[in-house]
Protein backbone atom coordinates (compact mmCIF):
# COMPACT_ATOMS: atom_id res chain seq x y z
CA MET A 1 -7.86 21.13 24.96
CA VAL A 2 -7.00 17.72 26.45
CA SER A 3 -9.07 14.80 25.58
CA LYS A 4 -11.17 13.30 28.36
CA LYS A 5 -11.37 10.00 26.58
CA GLY A 6 -8.85 7.17 27.08
CA ALA A 7 -5.62 7.26 25.53
CA ILE A 8 -4.76 5.21 22.44
CA ALA A 9 -1.02 4.64 21.37
CA VAL A 10 -0.18 4.39 17.64
CA ARG A 11 3.34 3.03 16.88
CA GLY A 12 5.08 3.73 13.44
CA SER A 13 6.75 6.23 11.36
CA GLY A 14 5.23 5.70 7.94
CA ILE A 15 2.10 7.23 6.36
CA VAL A 16 -0.35 4.78 7.81
CA SER A 17 0.81 5.56 11.55
CA HIS A 18 0.46 9.27 10.92
CA VAL A 19 -2.99 9.13 9.25
CA CYS A 20 -4.16 6.81 12.19
CA ALA A 21 -2.91 9.14 14.74
CA ILE A 22 -4.75 12.19 12.99
CA MET A 23 -8.01 10.08 12.70
CA ILE A 24 -8.00 8.96 16.26
CA ALA A 25 -7.18 12.45 17.62
CA ARG A 26 -10.06 13.91 15.54
CA LEU A 27 -12.42 11.61 17.32
CA GLY A 28 -11.43 13.14 20.60
CA TYR A 29 -9.09 10.46 21.94
CA LYS A 30 -5.67 11.39 23.31
CA VAL A 31 -3.10 9.86 21.07
CA ILE A 32 0.40 8.68 21.88
CA HIS A 33 2.29 8.58 18.69
CA ILE A 34 5.36 6.54 19.06
CA LYS A 35 7.58 7.31 15.92
CA ARG A 36 11.10 7.79 14.73
CA GLY A 37 10.91 11.35 13.34
CA ASP A 38 8.72 12.12 10.28
CA PRO A 39 7.79 9.81 7.43
CA LEU A 40 10.65 9.20 4.94
CA ASN A 41 10.04 11.80 2.23
CA ASN A 42 11.15 10.41 -0.99
CA ASP A 43 10.14 9.96 -4.67
CA SER A 44 7.77 7.17 -3.93
CA PHE A 45 4.10 7.16 -5.27
CA PHE A 46 0.81 5.43 -4.66
CA ALA A 47 -2.36 4.71 -6.45
CA ILE A 48 -5.19 5.54 -4.08
CA THR A 49 -8.78 4.54 -4.56
CA PRO A 50 -11.56 7.10 -5.06
CA SER A 51 -13.47 6.17 -1.84
CA ILE A 52 -10.13 6.55 0.13
CA ILE A 53 -9.54 9.97 -1.50
CA ASP A 54 -13.19 10.99 -0.29
CA TRP A 55 -12.41 9.69 3.08
CA LEU A 56 -9.12 11.78 3.27
CA ARG A 57 -11.17 14.97 2.36
CA ARG A 58 -13.34 14.26 5.43
CA LEU A 59 -10.27 13.71 7.42
CA GLY A 60 -9.45 17.29 6.83
CA LEU A 61 -6.26 17.08 4.75
CA PRO A 62 -5.41 20.52 3.08
CA GLN A 63 -6.85 21.32 -0.39
CA ASP A 64 -3.35 21.69 -1.90
CA PHE A 65 -3.11 18.04 -1.41
CA PHE A 66 -6.08 17.16 -3.63
CA GLN A 67 -5.04 19.73 -6.22
CA ASN A 68 -1.95 17.75 -6.74
CA ILE A 69 -3.39 14.27 -7.09
CA HIS A 70 -3.73 12.90 -10.65
CA ALA A 71 -6.70 11.09 -11.81
CA LEU A 72 -6.60 7.80 -13.76
CA LYS A 73 -9.81 7.23 -15.97
CA LYS A 74 -8.54 3.97 -17.57
CA ILE A 75 -6.52 0.93 -16.62
CA ASN A 76 -5.00 -1.11 -19.49
CA LEU A 77 -3.98 -4.79 -18.71
CA ILE A 78 -1.74 -6.13 -21.39
CA ASN A 79 -0.58 -9.72 -21.99
CA ALA A 80 2.51 -9.02 -23.82
CA GLN A 81 3.41 -12.29 -25.13
CA ALA A 82 0.01 -12.68 -26.71
CA ASN A 83 -0.29 -9.07 -27.70
CA ILE A 84 -3.75 -8.96 -26.19
CA GLU A 85 -5.21 -6.00 -24.14
CA HIS A 86 -8.06 -5.56 -21.64
CA LEU A 87 -9.18 -2.03 -21.01
CA PHE A 88 -11.06 -0.87 -18.03
CA ASN A 89 -12.76 2.56 -18.57
CA ALA A 90 -14.31 4.63 -15.75
CA ASP A 91 -16.87 6.27 -18.12
CA GLU A 92 -18.27 2.72 -19.13
CA MET A 93 -18.75 1.95 -15.38
CA PHE A 94 -20.22 5.43 -14.70
CA LEU A 95 -17.25 6.43 -12.51
CA ASP A 96 -15.43 9.81 -12.37
CA SER A 97 -12.02 7.96 -12.03
CA LEU A 98 -10.75 4.43 -11.30
CA ALA A 99 -7.84 5.57 -9.00
CA PHE A 100 -5.80 8.65 -8.20
CA MET A 101 -2.03 8.87 -8.21
CA VAL A 102 -0.30 10.61 -5.25
CA LYS A 103 3.34 11.50 -4.75
CA GLN A 104 4.79 10.77 -1.32
CA THR A 105 6.16 14.15 -0.95
CA ASP A 106 2.74 15.59 -1.28
CA PHE A 107 1.37 13.11 1.22
CA ILE A 108 4.01 13.86 3.86
CA ASP A 109 3.41 17.81 3.24
CA ALA A 110 -0.31 17.27 3.91
CA LEU A 111 0.16 15.16 7.05
CA SER A 112 2.83 17.51 8.43
CA SER A 113 0.15 20.42 8.30
CA LYS A 114 -2.44 18.48 10.57
CA ASP A 115 -1.18 19.26 14.08
CA SER A 116 -3.36 18.32 17.03
CA ALA A 117 -3.34 19.11 20.78
CA ASN A 118 -4.58 15.54 21.29
CA ILE A 119 -1.31 13.92 19.80
CA PHE A 120 1.54 13.50 22.24
CA ASN A 121 4.73 12.32 20.53
CA MET A 122 7.29 9.71 21.88
CA ASP A 123 10.58 8.54 20.32
CA LEU A 124 10.30 4.96 19.09
CA ASP A 125 13.76 4.07 19.98
CA GLN A 126 13.47 5.39 23.54
CA THR A 127 10.13 3.92 24.42
CA SER A 128 9.54 0.63 26.45
CA TYR A 129 6.17 -1.26 26.88
CA LYS A 130 4.38 -3.11 29.52
CA LYS A 131 1.03 -4.73 28.48
CA ASN A 132 -1.56 -6.61 30.46
CA SER A 133 -5.35 -7.37 30.27
CA ASN A 134 -6.17 -3.80 31.31
CA TYR A 135 -3.66 -1.45 29.44
CA VAL A 136 -0.42 -1.00 27.71
CA GLU A 137 2.02 1.23 29.53
CA CYS A 138 4.24 3.33 27.28
CA SER A 139 7.36 4.83 28.99
CA SER A 140 9.91 7.12 27.71
CA GLY A 141 12.31 8.93 30.09
CA SER A 142 10.27 10.33 32.90
CA GLU A 143 6.88 10.11 30.86
CA SER A 144 4.69 7.28 31.50
CA ILE A 145 1.30 6.83 29.85
CA LYS A 146 -1.29 3.97 30.01
CA ALA A 147 -3.15 3.39 26.71
CA SER A 148 -6.23 1.21 26.29
CA LEU A 149 -4.91 0.06 22.89
CA LEU A 150 -1.55 0.03 21.11
CA ILE A 151 -1.83 0.04 17.19
CA ALA A 152 1.20 -1.02 15.46
CA CYS A 153 1.66 0.01 11.79
CA ASP A 154 5.09 -0.65 10.37
CA ALA A 155 6.40 -3.63 8.52
CA ASP A 156 9.52 -3.87 10.70
CA ASP A 157 7.81 -3.57 14.01
CA LYS A 158 9.85 -5.62 16.31
CA GLU A 159 7.07 -6.20 18.86
CA ILE A 160 4.89 -7.75 16.12
CA ILE A 161 7.61 -9.79 14.66
CA ASN A 162 8.86 -11.21 18.06
CA ASP A 163 5.78 -11.49 20.04
CA GLY A 164 2.74 -14.01 19.72
CA PHE A 165 1.27 -12.91 16.32
CA GLY A 166 2.45 -15.85 14.32
CA GLU A 167 4.01 -14.24 11.23
CA THR A 168 3.93 -16.33 7.91
CA VAL A 169 6.00 -15.04 5.11
CA LYS A 170 6.06 -16.19 1.37
CA GLN A 171 9.12 -15.00 -0.60
CA TYR A 172 8.39 -14.35 -4.12
CA ASN A 173 12.05 -14.28 -5.26
CA GLN A 174 11.17 -11.06 -7.19
CA THR A 175 12.46 -7.51 -6.99
CA ALA A 176 10.41 -4.37 -7.60
CA ILE A 177 12.35 -1.69 -9.37
CA THR A 178 10.63 1.58 -9.07
CA PHE A 179 11.43 4.97 -10.69
CA SER A 180 9.79 7.82 -12.56
CA PHE A 181 10.42 9.59 -16.01
CA TYR A 182 9.19 12.74 -17.77
CA ALA A 183 7.34 12.38 -21.08
CA LYS A 184 5.92 14.76 -23.51
CA GLU A 185 3.67 12.29 -25.34
CA GLY A 186 1.33 9.53 -24.12
CA ASN A 187 -1.98 8.90 -22.51
CA PHE A 188 -1.73 10.42 -19.01
CA ASP A 189 -5.17 9.42 -17.89
CA CYS A 190 -4.56 5.80 -18.41
CA ALA A 191 -2.44 3.34 -16.33
CA SER A 192 -1.01 0.31 -18.11
CA GLN A 193 0.14 -2.96 -16.62
CA PHE A 194 2.29 -5.30 -18.88
CA PHE A 195 2.43 -9.08 -17.99
CA PHE A 196 5.78 -10.46 -19.40
CA GLU A 197 7.03 -14.01 -18.92
CA ASP A 198 9.88 -12.47 -16.68
CA SER A 199 8.16 -9.54 -15.00
CA ILE A 200 5.01 -7.32 -14.43
CA LEU A 201 5.58 -3.61 -15.35
CA ALA A 202 3.11 -0.95 -14.31
CA LEU A 203 3.14 2.54 -15.98
CA LEU A 204 1.41 4.98 -13.61
CA PRO A 205 0.91 8.57 -14.80
CA LEU A 206 1.68 11.00 -11.89
CA SER A 207 0.80 14.08 -13.79
CA HIS A 208 0.49 15.30 -17.39
CA SER A 209 4.14 15.05 -17.87
CA GLN A 210 5.48 12.48 -15.36
CA VAL A 211 4.95 8.63 -15.21
CA GLY A 212 5.89 6.36 -12.29
CA VAL A 213 7.06 2.79 -12.88
CA VAL A 214 6.81 -0.38 -10.74
CA TRP A 215 8.70 -3.22 -12.49
CA SER A 216 8.38 -6.48 -10.57
CA CYS A 217 11.17 -8.62 -12.06
CA ASN A 218 12.40 -12.25 -11.61
CA ASN A 219 15.95 -12.70 -10.54
CA VAL A 220 17.33 -13.14 -14.01
CA LEU A 221 15.84 -9.76 -15.37
CA ARG A 222 16.81 -8.08 -12.23
CA ASP A 223 20.34 -8.91 -12.51
CA LEU A 224 20.31 -7.74 -16.21
CA LEU A 225 18.76 -4.50 -15.39
CA VAL A 226 20.98 -3.51 -12.46
CA HIS A 227 24.09 -4.00 -14.51
CA LEU A 228 22.94 -1.95 -17.62
CA ASN A 229 24.35 1.69 -17.86
CA PRO A 230 21.74 4.37 -17.98
CA GLU A 231 21.73 4.66 -21.84
CA ASN A 232 21.21 0.96 -22.18
CA PHE A 233 18.62 0.71 -19.43
CA LYS A 234 16.72 3.55 -21.18
CA SER A 235 16.76 1.73 -24.47
CA PHE A 236 15.74 -1.73 -23.01
CA PHE A 237 12.82 0.05 -20.93
CA GLU A 238 11.52 1.89 -24.27
CA LYS A 239 11.26 -1.33 -25.92
CA ARG A 240 9.21 -2.96 -23.27
CA ILE A 241 6.69 -0.12 -23.01
CA LYS A 242 6.16 -0.17 -26.84
CA LYS A 243 5.89 3.71 -27.22
CA ARG A 244 2.95 4.16 -24.62
CA PHE A 245 4.97 7.26 -23.64
CA THR A 246 7.99 8.96 -24.80
CA VAL A 247 10.89 8.83 -22.31
CA ASP A 248 12.26 12.41 -22.30
CA SER A 249 14.38 12.16 -19.23
CA GLU A 250 17.30 9.94 -17.79
CA LEU A 251 16.32 6.87 -15.79
CA ASN A 252 18.99 7.02 -13.00
CA ALA A 253 17.07 7.16 -9.74
CA LYS A 254 15.89 3.64 -9.20
CA ASN A 255 14.77 2.07 -5.95
CA GLN A 256 14.58 -1.63 -5.25
CA PHE A 257 12.82 -3.81 -2.78
CA ASN A 258 12.36 -7.55 -2.46
CA LEU A 259 8.60 -8.83 -2.86
CA LYS A 260 6.89 -11.17 -0.35
CA LEU A 261 3.39 -12.07 1.02
CA LYS A 262 3.05 -11.65 4.66
CA THR A 263 0.20 -12.52 6.98
CA LEU A 264 -0.29 -12.92 10.69
CA ASP A 265 -2.04 -15.89 12.41
CA SER A 266 -3.57 -13.24 14.63
CA ILE A 267 -3.60 -9.40 14.17
CA PHE A 268 -4.03 -8.75 18.00
CA ASP A 269 -2.51 -9.98 21.21
CA LYS A 270 -3.94 -8.70 24.44
CA ARG A 271 -4.13 -4.91 23.84
CA VAL A 272 -1.86 -4.62 20.94
CA LEU A 273 -3.42 -4.46 17.31
CA ALA A 274 -1.40 -4.92 14.01
CA ILE A 275 -2.55 -2.86 11.12
CA GLY A 276 -1.04 -1.78 7.63
CA ASP A 277 2.22 -3.39 6.78
CA ALA A 278 2.65 -4.63 10.32
CA ALA A 279 -0.26 -6.94 9.60
CA HIS A 280 -0.11 -7.62 5.91
CA ILE A 281 2.03 -7.10 2.97
CA ILE A 282 0.99 -8.19 -0.62
CA HIS A 283 2.37 -8.20 -4.12
CA PRO A 284 2.44 -4.56 -5.51
CA MET A 285 1.06 -5.36 -8.90
CA ALA A 286 -2.49 -4.17 -7.92
CA GLY A 287 -0.96 -0.99 -6.09
CA GLN A 288 -3.02 -1.65 -3.08
CA GLY A 289 -0.63 -2.01 -0.19
CA LEU A 290 -1.33 1.49 1.14
CA ASN A 291 -5.01 1.36 0.38
CA LEU A 292 -5.34 -1.80 2.64
CA GLY A 293 -3.54 0.06 5.42
CA LEU A 294 -5.86 3.12 5.00
CA ARG A 295 -8.85 0.94 4.96
CA ASP A 296 -7.74 -0.70 8.14
CA ILE A 297 -7.81 2.87 9.77
CA ARG A 298 -11.26 3.62 8.20
CA ALA A 299 -12.51 0.39 9.94
CA ILE A 300 -11.18 1.45 13.20
CA GLU A 301 -12.76 4.83 12.81
CA ALA A 302 -16.18 3.17 11.98
CA LEU A 303 -15.98 1.03 14.98
CA LEU A 304 -14.98 3.96 17.50
CA GLU A 305 -17.74 6.02 15.96
CA SER A 306 -20.44 3.54 16.11
CA SER A 307 -19.48 2.05 19.54
CA LYS A 308 -18.92 5.37 21.29
CA ILE A 309 -16.31 3.41 23.26
CA GLU A 310 -13.61 4.63 25.54
CA ASP A 311 -11.86 1.17 25.96
CA ALA A 312 -10.76 0.28 22.43
CA GLY A 313 -8.39 -2.34 23.65
CA ASN A 314 -11.11 -4.92 24.83
CA GLU A 315 -11.26 -8.07 23.01
CA ASN A 316 -14.78 -7.60 21.69
CA PHE A 317 -13.88 -4.42 19.99
CA LEU A 318 -10.65 -6.06 18.56
CA ARG A 319 -12.60 -9.15 17.29
CA ARG A 320 -15.08 -6.89 15.50
CA TYR A 321 -12.36 -5.22 13.92
CA GLU A 322 -10.64 -8.41 12.80
CA LYS A 323 -13.92 -9.60 11.29
CA MET A 324 -14.51 -6.36 9.41
CA ARG A 325 -11.03 -6.59 7.69
CA LYS A 326 -10.41 -10.32 7.24
CA LYS A 327 -12.30 -10.82 3.77
CA ASP A 328 -10.76 -7.72 2.14
CA VAL A 329 -7.22 -8.49 3.07
CA ALA A 330 -7.52 -12.18 2.18
CA GLN A 331 -9.16 -11.52 -1.19
CA LEU A 332 -6.51 -8.98 -2.27
CA ALA A 333 -3.79 -11.25 -1.04
CA LEU A 334 -5.15 -14.14 -3.05
CA LEU A 335 -5.60 -12.14 -6.21
CA THR A 336 -2.13 -10.78 -6.42
CA ASP A 337 -0.67 -14.18 -5.29
CA VAL A 338 -2.38 -16.02 -8.04
CA LEU A 339 -1.45 -13.53 -10.80
CA SER A 340 2.15 -13.59 -9.45
CA ASN A 341 2.50 -17.28 -9.46
CA ILE A 342 1.19 -17.36 -13.09
CA VAL A 343 3.84 -15.05 -14.21
CA HIS A 344 6.64 -15.99 -11.92
CA GLY A 345 5.89 -19.59 -10.71
CA GLU A 346 9.08 -21.39 -10.63
CA HIS A 347 7.35 -24.82 -10.83
CA TYR A 348 6.47 -24.06 -14.59
CA VAL A 349 10.29 -23.88 -15.53
CA ASN A 350 11.04 -27.52 -15.84
CA LYS A 351 7.65 -28.93 -16.56
CA LEU A 352 6.08 -26.77 -19.10
CA ASN A 353 6.84 -24.56 -22.14
CA LYS A 354 6.50 -21.19 -20.53
CA GLY A 355 6.41 -19.50 -23.75
CA SER A 356 3.14 -20.83 -24.65
CA ILE A 357 1.57 -21.70 -21.28
CA ILE A 358 2.08 -18.49 -19.61
CA PRO A 359 0.34 -16.11 -22.23
CA ALA A 360 -2.60 -18.49 -22.40
CA ALA A 361 -3.02 -18.67 -18.63
CA ILE A 362 -2.64 -14.78 -18.19
CA ASN A 363 -5.28 -14.32 -20.92
CA GLY A 364 -7.54 -16.85 -19.25
CA LEU A 365 -7.39 -14.97 -16.00
CA LEU A 366 -7.78 -11.53 -17.49
CA LYS A 367 -10.92 -12.57 -19.40
CA ASN A 368 -12.52 -14.03 -16.27
CA LYS A 369 -15.45 -11.78 -15.48
CA PHE A 370 -15.14 -12.57 -11.74
CA LEU A 371 -11.49 -11.47 -11.81
CA LYS A 372 -12.19 -8.33 -13.74
CA GLN A 373 -15.01 -7.36 -11.07
CA ALA A 374 -12.42 -8.03 -8.29
CA ILE A 375 -9.94 -5.78 -10.05
CA ILE A 376 -12.32 -2.92 -10.44
CA LYS A 377 -13.71 -3.37 -6.81
CA GLN A 378 -10.20 -3.21 -5.41
CA ALA A 379 -9.50 -0.20 -7.72
CA THR A 380 -12.14 1.92 -6.54
CA GLN A 381 -13.27 1.00 -2.97
C-alpha cells in the first residue's frame, strides 16, 4: 500500500539511516532511502541505553535481536595511576541494567529483516538534488521524487560538509583502537573503563565469553601498539587490564580511527536536516555516539506523531527538533571533551607534572556527584 502522506528522504548508508527510514515508513510516510548498499557488516559493537532498547522493541525489530544483546549491570571507572575505582551498580539505582552491548552483525541482520512497501531505494552515488523553500527534489536516472524533507545521517555526507551548515571540528590527536577477545574468566556483567596517563581503555563484555575493547590512545602509545607483534601486544594488553578478564584468544583483528569532536553551526538548511554523525561526533569514551543518533530519530518520531504533520520540512518543525536535541548533544559533548582533555591535554606536558596532576584531576572529576549523575543519565536514557 503506497502512503498518501508526503515523502521524506533519508540519506546515508549506516545504521542510523536505516533505523530512521524504518521509523518514518512505520508512521505512514513514503520514504526515499538514498544509500550506498547495506550497512557495513563488520566486528564493531555498541553500548545501547535501556530506553533505546525499549524503543527498538516498539519499532518492531525481530525477537532474535533482543535475545543476542548482552546486559551490563555494572560500570567500573578506574583511575589507574591512583589505583582508585568508582563503581556504578544497577541494583543500587533500582534499574535492571545500565546498558546493553550489541554487535553490529546482529544489528544489521535485524534491520535487513524490516522490509517496507513505503521505502523506495535510490543509489547514493547516482542521485542528484535540487532544494528550495518548498521541497527537495531527488533524481536518479529516470526517477525524480519531491520530498518535503531530506535527512542526512552519515559523517562523510558531502552535502553537509560543503553546504551552509558551518562545520566545526576539534581534532583530539588520539586514535581509537578497537578489537575483541574471548575470555573464560571475568565479570561479564560489568564494563570497565581505565583512565591512564596515555589512554582511556574500555572493556565491554559482549557475551559471557567475549569482550570488546575500545582503547583511545595518544600518539606515542598508538605508535608503540601498532608496531608490537601479536604476542607482545597481548602481553602488554594483559598488564594494562590487570586480570579483569583472562585473554584466551589472539588479538590480531584491530580497527583504528582518529578521534575528533564535530559540531555544526546549524543542523538544518532549507529542507535538509543533519542527524547522527552528520550532525555531531563525540569522543567514544562514553560509548554514546550511536545512542545520540538513535535519540535524534526518536525526537523526529515524537514530533511527527504529536504534530500529525505532512510537511516535515517546514522551518517551524525543524526548529522544534533543534530545540529538543540541543541540550542532550551539548551536555554529552562537553562531558567527553572535559574528560579527554584531562587525560590527553597537551597543554599539561610542559607546564605540569602529569604523573601527579592527572591522577588527582581524574579522581576529583569521578568523585563529583554531578558528573556521576550525568554519566548514569547518559548510560540509561
